[in-house]
């Protein structure tokens, strides 16, 4: 998958250094994936939640952090980062509209 807005991930882990290993691991795993549909994504990330409008919420770092991304499956293979933050930050947003 082509992860779009990598800069957003970097900015986050520069502010939250303890999140860096989890964010990088998520990025590497997603970049290597070739999801055809939501079922493929859920096989790889069972805790991910589909929230509508092609948006998926990923729990990372033992559920301390959240990534909201818009996923375009085959043939585009794109994951656009819409939000990355702590669990508390996530509680203050609407994942369907970020």
Protein backbone atom coordinates (compact mmCIF):
# COMPACT_ATOMS: atom_id res chain seq x y z
CA UNK A 1 0.00 0.00 0.00
CA UNK A 2 1.17 3.51 -0.72
CA UNK A 3 0.93 5.43 2.56
CA UNK A 4 0.13 9.08 1.85
CA UNK A 5 0.96 11.84 4.35
CA UNK A 6 3.93 10.12 5.96
CA UNK A 7 4.92 13.59 7.20
CA UNK A 8 1.94 13.51 9.59
CA UNK A 9 3.26 10.30 11.15
CA UNK A 10 6.74 11.78 11.53
CA UNK A 11 5.41 14.94 13.14
CA UNK A 12 3.46 12.84 15.61
CA UNK A 13 6.34 10.64 16.72
CA UNK A 14 8.65 13.64 16.95
CA UNK A 15 6.24 15.05 19.57
CA UNK A 16 5.63 11.63 21.17
CA UNK A 17 8.98 9.83 21.04
CA UNK A 18 7.63 6.76 22.86
CA UNK A 19 5.23 6.21 19.92
CA UNK A 20 7.97 6.06 17.29
CA UNK A 21 8.58 2.26 17.33
CA UNK A 22 4.85 1.51 17.08
CA UNK A 23 4.23 4.07 14.32
CA UNK A 24 7.20 2.85 12.28
CA UNK A 25 6.15 -0.79 12.70
CA UNK A 26 2.60 0.08 11.55
CA UNK A 27 3.96 2.01 8.57
CA UNK A 28 6.23 -0.85 7.48
CA UNK A 29 3.47 -3.42 7.80
CA UNK A 30 0.94 -1.33 5.88
CA UNK A 31 3.47 -0.37 3.17
CA UNK A 32 4.15 -4.05 2.51
CA UNK A 33 0.45 -4.95 2.28
CA UNK A 34 -1.66 -5.28 -0.90
CA UNK A 35 -5.21 -5.29 0.42
CA UNK A 36 -7.91 -6.14 -2.06
CA UNK A 37 -10.72 -5.23 0.34
CA UNK A 38 -11.64 -4.66 3.98
CA UNK A 39 -11.53 -8.41 4.65
CA UNK A 40 -7.82 -8.47 3.71
CA UNK A 41 -7.15 -5.51 5.99
CA UNK A 42 -9.03 -7.13 8.89
CA UNK A 43 -7.05 -10.36 8.49
CA UNK A 44 -3.88 -8.37 9.04
CA UNK A 45 -5.30 -5.92 11.62
CA UNK A 46 -8.18 -7.67 13.43
CA UNK A 47 -8.66 -4.77 15.86
CA UNK A 48 -9.08 -2.19 13.07
CA UNK A 49 -12.53 -0.64 12.85
CA UNK A 50 -14.31 0.53 9.72
CA UNK A 51 -16.11 3.80 10.54
CA UNK A 52 -17.58 4.70 7.15
CA UNK A 53 -16.51 6.72 4.10
CA UNK A 54 -13.63 4.25 3.47
CA UNK A 55 -12.09 5.26 6.82
CA UNK A 56 -10.46 2.76 9.13
CA UNK A 57 -9.27 3.30 12.71
CA UNK A 58 -6.10 1.44 13.67
CA UNK A 59 -5.13 0.88 17.32
CA UNK A 60 -1.37 0.95 17.69
CA UNK A 61 1.10 0.86 20.54
CA UNK A 62 -1.06 -1.33 22.73
CA UNK A 63 -4.09 0.89 22.04
CA UNK A 64 -2.28 3.99 23.34
CA UNK A 65 -2.40 5.61 19.89
CA UNK A 66 -4.85 5.74 17.02
CA UNK A 67 -4.47 6.26 13.30
CA UNK A 68 -7.46 7.13 11.15
CA UNK A 69 -6.86 6.52 7.47
CA UNK A 70 -8.90 6.51 4.29
CA UNK A 71 -8.15 3.28 2.47
CA UNK A 72 -8.39 2.79 -1.29
CA UNK A 73 -8.08 -0.92 -2.02
CA UNK A 74 -7.16 -2.57 -5.35
CA UNK A 75 -6.36 -1.29 -7.92
CA UNK A 76 -5.21 1.95 -6.21
CA UNK A 77 -3.58 0.51 -3.06
CA UNK A 78 -3.49 3.78 -1.12
CA UNK A 79 -3.76 4.60 2.57
CA UNK A 80 -4.19 8.30 3.30
CA UNK A 81 -3.50 9.31 6.89
CA UNK A 82 -6.32 11.53 8.15
CA UNK A 83 -5.42 11.59 11.85
CA UNK A 84 -2.79 10.25 14.21
CA UNK A 85 -2.91 10.87 17.94
CA UNK A 86 -3.13 9.53 21.41
CA UNK A 87 -6.19 7.65 22.53
CA UNK A 88 -7.28 10.80 24.43
CA UNK A 89 -6.83 12.92 21.26
CA UNK A 90 -8.92 10.42 19.33
CA UNK A 91 -11.75 10.70 21.85
CA UNK A 92 -12.08 14.40 20.92
CA UNK A 93 -12.54 13.90 17.15
CA UNK A 94 -15.13 12.42 14.84
CA UNK A 95 -13.27 9.71 12.91
CA UNK A 96 -15.85 9.86 10.11
CA UNK A 97 -15.11 13.49 9.30
CA UNK A 98 -11.40 14.10 9.95
